[in-house]
N, C-alpha and C. Protein backbone atom coordinates (compact mmCIF):
# COMPACT_ATOMS: atom_id res chain seq x y z
N MET A 1 99.29 170.66 106.81
CA MET A 1 100.46 170.55 107.67
C MET A 1 100.29 169.39 108.64
N THR A 2 99.08 169.21 109.16
CA THR A 2 98.83 168.12 110.10
C THR A 2 99.02 166.77 109.43
N THR A 3 98.58 166.66 108.17
CA THR A 3 98.74 165.41 107.44
C THR A 3 100.21 165.10 107.24
N THR A 4 101.01 166.12 106.92
CA THR A 4 102.44 165.92 106.74
C THR A 4 103.09 165.45 108.03
N LEU A 5 102.74 166.07 109.15
CA LEU A 5 103.32 165.65 110.43
C LEU A 5 102.90 164.23 110.78
N ALA A 6 101.65 163.86 110.48
CA ALA A 6 101.18 162.51 110.76
C ALA A 6 101.94 161.50 109.90
N THR A 7 102.14 161.84 108.62
CA THR A 7 102.88 160.94 107.73
C THR A 7 104.33 160.83 108.18
N ASP A 8 104.95 161.95 108.56
CA ASP A 8 106.32 161.92 109.05
C ASP A 8 106.44 161.05 110.29
N GLY A 9 105.44 161.15 111.16
CA GLY A 9 105.45 160.33 112.38
C GLY A 9 105.34 158.85 112.06
N ARG A 10 104.50 158.52 111.09
CA ARG A 10 104.36 157.11 110.69
C ARG A 10 105.64 156.61 110.02
N GLN A 11 106.26 157.46 109.21
CA GLN A 11 107.51 157.07 108.57
C GLN A 11 108.60 156.84 109.61
N ARG A 12 108.67 157.71 110.58
CA ARG A 12 109.67 157.57 111.64
C ARG A 12 109.43 156.28 112.43
N GLU A 13 108.16 156.01 112.71
CA GLU A 13 107.81 154.80 113.45
C GLU A 13 108.18 153.56 112.63
N TYR A 14 107.94 153.61 111.33
CA TYR A 14 108.28 152.49 110.44
C TYR A 14 109.80 152.27 110.41
N LEU A 15 110.56 153.37 110.31
CA LEU A 15 112.02 153.25 110.31
C LEU A 15 112.54 152.69 111.63
N GLU A 16 111.93 153.10 112.73
CA GLU A 16 112.33 152.55 114.03
C GLU A 16 112.01 151.06 114.12
N SER A 17 110.89 150.65 113.53
CA SER A 17 110.54 149.24 113.50
C SER A 17 111.54 148.45 112.66
N LEU A 18 111.95 149.01 111.52
CA LEU A 18 112.96 148.35 110.69
C LEU A 18 114.29 148.24 111.41
N ARG A 19 114.66 149.28 112.13
CA ARG A 19 115.91 149.26 112.89
C ARG A 19 115.84 148.19 113.98
N GLY A 20 114.71 148.09 114.66
CA GLY A 20 114.54 147.07 115.68
C GLY A 20 114.62 145.68 115.10
N LEU A 21 114.04 145.48 113.92
CA LEU A 21 114.11 144.18 113.27
C LEU A 21 115.55 143.84 112.88
N SER A 22 116.28 144.81 112.36
CA SER A 22 117.67 144.53 111.97
C SER A 22 118.53 144.20 113.18
N VAL A 23 118.29 144.85 114.30
CA VAL A 23 119.02 144.52 115.53
C VAL A 23 118.66 143.11 115.98
N HIS A 24 117.38 142.75 115.91
CA HIS A 24 116.92 141.42 116.30
C HIS A 24 117.59 140.35 115.44
N VAL A 25 117.64 140.57 114.13
CA VAL A 25 118.26 139.60 113.23
C VAL A 25 119.76 139.49 113.50
N ALA A 26 120.43 140.61 113.74
CA ALA A 26 121.86 140.58 114.01
C ALA A 26 122.18 139.82 115.29
N ILE A 27 121.43 140.08 116.35
CA ILE A 27 121.65 139.38 117.61
C ILE A 27 121.35 137.90 117.44
N PHE A 28 120.29 137.57 116.71
CA PHE A 28 119.94 136.18 116.42
C PHE A 28 121.10 135.47 115.73
N ALA A 29 121.68 136.11 114.72
CA ALA A 29 122.78 135.50 113.97
C ALA A 29 124.02 135.30 114.84
N ILE A 30 124.37 136.30 115.62
CA ILE A 30 125.57 136.21 116.46
C ILE A 30 125.42 135.14 117.53
N VAL A 31 124.30 135.16 118.23
CA VAL A 31 124.08 134.20 119.31
C VAL A 31 124.02 132.77 118.76
N ASN A 32 123.34 132.59 117.64
CA ASN A 32 123.24 131.24 117.09
C ASN A 32 124.55 130.76 116.50
N LEU A 33 125.40 131.66 116.04
CA LEU A 33 126.75 131.26 115.63
C LEU A 33 127.54 130.76 116.84
N LEU A 34 127.42 131.46 117.96
CA LEU A 34 128.09 131.01 119.18
C LEU A 34 127.53 129.67 119.66
N ILE A 35 126.24 129.51 119.59
CA ILE A 35 125.62 128.24 119.97
C ILE A 35 126.11 127.12 119.06
N PHE A 36 126.23 127.41 117.76
CA PHE A 36 126.74 126.43 116.82
C PHE A 36 128.17 126.01 117.18
N LEU A 37 129.02 126.99 117.50
CA LEU A 37 130.40 126.68 117.88
C LEU A 37 130.46 125.85 119.15
N ILE A 38 129.66 126.20 120.14
CA ILE A 38 129.62 125.43 121.38
C ILE A 38 129.15 124.00 121.10
N ASP A 39 128.15 123.86 120.24
CA ASP A 39 127.63 122.54 119.91
C ASP A 39 128.68 121.70 119.19
N MET A 40 129.48 122.33 118.34
CA MET A 40 130.51 121.59 117.61
C MET A 40 131.66 121.17 118.54
N LEU A 41 131.92 121.95 119.58
CA LEU A 41 133.01 121.64 120.50
C LEU A 41 132.62 120.61 121.56
N THR A 42 131.35 120.40 121.77
CA THR A 42 130.90 119.44 122.77
C THR A 42 130.42 118.17 122.08
N ARG A 43 130.47 117.11 122.80
CA ARG A 43 130.00 115.84 122.27
C ARG A 43 128.54 115.63 122.67
N GLY A 44 127.89 114.80 121.92
CA GLY A 44 126.49 114.49 122.23
C GLY A 44 125.60 114.80 121.04
N SER A 45 124.33 114.77 121.31
CA SER A 45 123.38 115.02 120.23
C SER A 45 123.37 116.50 119.87
N PRO A 46 123.06 116.82 118.62
CA PRO A 46 123.03 118.23 118.21
C PRO A 46 121.79 118.93 118.79
N TRP A 47 122.00 119.70 119.83
CA TRP A 47 120.91 120.37 120.52
C TRP A 47 120.68 121.79 119.98
N LEU A 48 121.55 122.27 119.10
CA LEU A 48 121.46 123.65 118.65
C LEU A 48 120.19 123.93 117.87
N PHE A 49 119.54 122.92 117.33
CA PHE A 49 118.35 123.14 116.53
C PHE A 49 117.16 123.63 117.36
N TYR A 50 117.13 123.28 118.64
CA TYR A 50 116.00 123.70 119.48
C TYR A 50 115.97 125.22 119.67
N PRO A 51 117.06 125.85 120.12
CA PRO A 51 117.00 127.32 120.23
C PRO A 51 116.93 128.00 118.86
N LEU A 52 117.56 127.40 117.85
CA LEU A 52 117.53 127.97 116.52
C LEU A 52 116.10 128.04 115.97
N LEU A 53 115.37 126.96 116.10
CA LEU A 53 114.00 126.93 115.61
C LEU A 53 113.06 127.80 116.46
N GLY A 54 113.22 127.74 117.77
CA GLY A 54 112.36 128.54 118.64
C GLY A 54 112.54 130.03 118.43
N TRP A 55 113.78 130.47 118.46
CA TRP A 55 114.06 131.89 118.29
C TRP A 55 113.81 132.30 116.84
N GLY A 56 114.08 131.39 115.90
CA GLY A 56 113.82 131.68 114.50
C GLY A 56 112.36 131.98 114.23
N CYS A 57 111.46 131.26 114.90
CA CYS A 57 110.03 131.55 114.77
C CYS A 57 109.72 132.97 115.25
N GLY A 58 110.35 133.38 116.33
CA GLY A 58 110.16 134.74 116.83
C GLY A 58 110.66 135.79 115.86
N VAL A 59 111.80 135.53 115.23
CA VAL A 59 112.35 136.47 114.25
C VAL A 59 111.43 136.57 113.03
N VAL A 60 110.91 135.43 112.59
CA VAL A 60 110.00 135.43 111.44
C VAL A 60 108.72 136.20 111.77
N MET A 61 108.18 136.01 112.96
CA MET A 61 106.97 136.75 113.34
C MET A 61 107.25 138.25 113.45
N HIS A 62 108.42 138.61 113.97
CA HIS A 62 108.81 140.02 114.06
C HIS A 62 108.92 140.62 112.66
N ALA A 63 109.56 139.90 111.75
CA ALA A 63 109.71 140.38 110.37
C ALA A 63 108.35 140.52 109.70
N GLU A 64 107.47 139.57 109.94
CA GLU A 64 106.13 139.65 109.35
C GLU A 64 105.38 140.87 109.88
N ALA A 65 105.49 141.12 111.16
CA ALA A 65 104.80 142.27 111.75
C ALA A 65 105.32 143.59 111.20
N VAL A 66 106.62 143.67 110.97
CA VAL A 66 107.21 144.93 110.49
C VAL A 66 107.02 145.08 108.98
N LEU A 67 107.31 144.05 108.22
CA LEU A 67 107.35 144.18 106.77
C LEU A 67 106.00 144.05 106.09
N PHE A 68 105.07 143.34 106.70
CA PHE A 68 103.80 143.08 106.05
C PHE A 68 102.60 143.69 106.76
N SER A 69 102.84 144.65 107.63
CA SER A 69 101.72 145.31 108.31
C SER A 69 101.03 146.26 107.34
N ARG A 70 99.80 146.59 107.62
CA ARG A 70 99.04 147.52 106.76
C ARG A 70 99.74 148.86 106.66
N GLN A 71 100.26 149.31 107.77
CA GLN A 71 100.90 150.62 107.82
C GLN A 71 102.15 150.65 106.95
N SER A 72 102.94 149.58 106.97
CA SER A 72 104.20 149.60 106.25
C SER A 72 104.02 149.45 104.75
N ARG A 73 102.90 148.94 104.30
CA ARG A 73 102.69 148.76 102.85
C ARG A 73 102.79 150.09 102.11
N GLY A 74 102.14 151.10 102.64
CA GLY A 74 102.17 152.40 101.98
C GLY A 74 103.42 153.19 102.27
N LEU A 75 104.02 152.98 103.41
CA LEU A 75 105.17 153.77 103.82
C LEU A 75 106.48 153.26 103.25
N ALA A 76 106.57 151.99 102.92
CA ALA A 76 107.82 151.44 102.41
C ALA A 76 108.23 152.14 101.12
N ARG A 77 107.27 152.52 100.30
CA ARG A 77 107.58 153.19 99.05
C ARG A 77 107.99 154.65 99.26
N THR A 78 107.45 155.28 100.30
CA THR A 78 107.73 156.70 100.50
C THR A 78 108.89 156.95 101.45
N THR A 79 109.39 155.93 102.09
CA THR A 79 110.48 156.10 103.03
C THR A 79 111.79 156.20 102.27
N GLY A 80 112.51 157.26 102.50
CA GLY A 80 113.77 157.46 101.80
C GLY A 80 114.63 158.41 102.59
N PRO A 81 115.60 159.04 101.93
CA PRO A 81 116.50 159.95 102.63
C PRO A 81 115.78 161.10 103.33
N VAL A 82 114.63 161.51 102.81
CA VAL A 82 113.89 162.60 103.44
C VAL A 82 113.42 162.20 104.83
N ALA A 83 113.03 160.93 104.99
CA ALA A 83 112.52 160.47 106.28
C ALA A 83 113.63 160.35 107.32
N LEU A 84 114.89 160.38 106.90
CA LEU A 84 115.98 160.22 107.85
C LEU A 84 116.45 161.54 108.44
N ARG A 85 115.88 162.65 107.97
CA ARG A 85 116.25 163.94 108.53
C ARG A 85 115.77 164.04 109.98
N PRO A 86 116.45 164.84 110.80
CA PRO A 86 115.98 165.03 112.18
C PRO A 86 114.58 165.63 112.20
N HIS A 87 113.81 165.20 113.16
CA HIS A 87 112.42 165.64 113.28
C HIS A 87 112.38 167.03 113.90
N THR A 88 111.78 167.97 113.20
CA THR A 88 111.62 169.32 113.73
C THR A 88 110.15 169.71 113.61
N VAL A 89 109.67 170.37 114.61
CA VAL A 89 108.30 170.86 114.60
C VAL A 89 108.36 172.37 114.60
N HIS A 90 107.71 172.96 113.60
CA HIS A 90 107.70 174.42 113.49
C HIS A 90 106.37 174.95 114.01
N ALA A 91 106.45 175.90 114.89
CA ALA A 91 105.23 176.52 115.43
C ALA A 91 104.70 177.51 114.40
N SER A 92 103.42 177.46 114.17
CA SER A 92 102.82 178.38 113.20
C SER A 92 102.65 179.75 113.85
N GLY A 93 102.75 180.78 113.02
CA GLY A 93 102.65 182.15 113.53
C GLY A 93 101.23 182.56 113.88
N SER A 94 100.21 181.83 113.42
CA SER A 94 98.85 182.25 113.69
C SER A 94 98.18 181.46 114.77
């Protein structure tokens, strides 16, 4: 039972990490689209590449940490609809 709870906890942690990564990527895309539009409306040199590259490096490092960590290698295969159920802890009778 303890092993199952530990695995469930790791699966939940992995799913939360994936959710955090997806939020990071979505915000990155939206903000950089706005930066692109502002850059196109203003005259001058294209400055949008500086925040794009800087923040892009951060997104890549975040993705690497979530997707290629030791913990996620084994959990990515076992994470499925079962891991999305609400977490419940049952007290044993003994």
